[in-house]
């Protein structure tokens, strides 16, 4: 039986959507607190305090991230799934261009309907990763909607679940530009 923790599902999903090389997130197994940290946004003293808090307590786990190769693969899979041949071609070309992530975002900016589908797809990926992470460390948010969220992953019906959760998250969360962490870069407590 998984250990229940009082974590906000919305905060957990935000962490899975927004972790990058510099924007890391940590989950406290005892309290359910989600801590976001970007060393570039804090003073040296604040960074030391945050890092001391996180690394001195075994209950803090780093929320895993998608490295740039994984994220690129997800973007490519999404691009190939688009039925609009013109949009598909533009997305695929963007991913082959210099600065593919920036080019991909530019195509999405010019195509709001495709962008909305991408935001839903990103949230589907985040939901799946959050469920897999929680199961790997044998925890489950105490929120009653967690069971339905996990079931949607196990039954491979995350698209409708992602649509529902997209409405619950702050608008900027699911649409935040993607950041990348070099492949193979890991932190101490990453799963």
Foldseek 3Di string as FASTA:
>chain_A
DFAAEAADVLLLLLQALADAQQWKWKAQQHHNDIDTGGPVVDDPVVVVVVCCVQVVDPRIAIQDYQAPVRVLVLQLVLLVVDPPVVLSVQLVVLSVDPPSLVSNVVSCVVPVVSVVVVLLSSSLVSLLSSLVVCVVVRYFYPPPCRVVSNVCNVVVNSSVVSVVVCVVHPVCSSVPRDHHDHPPDDDDRYD
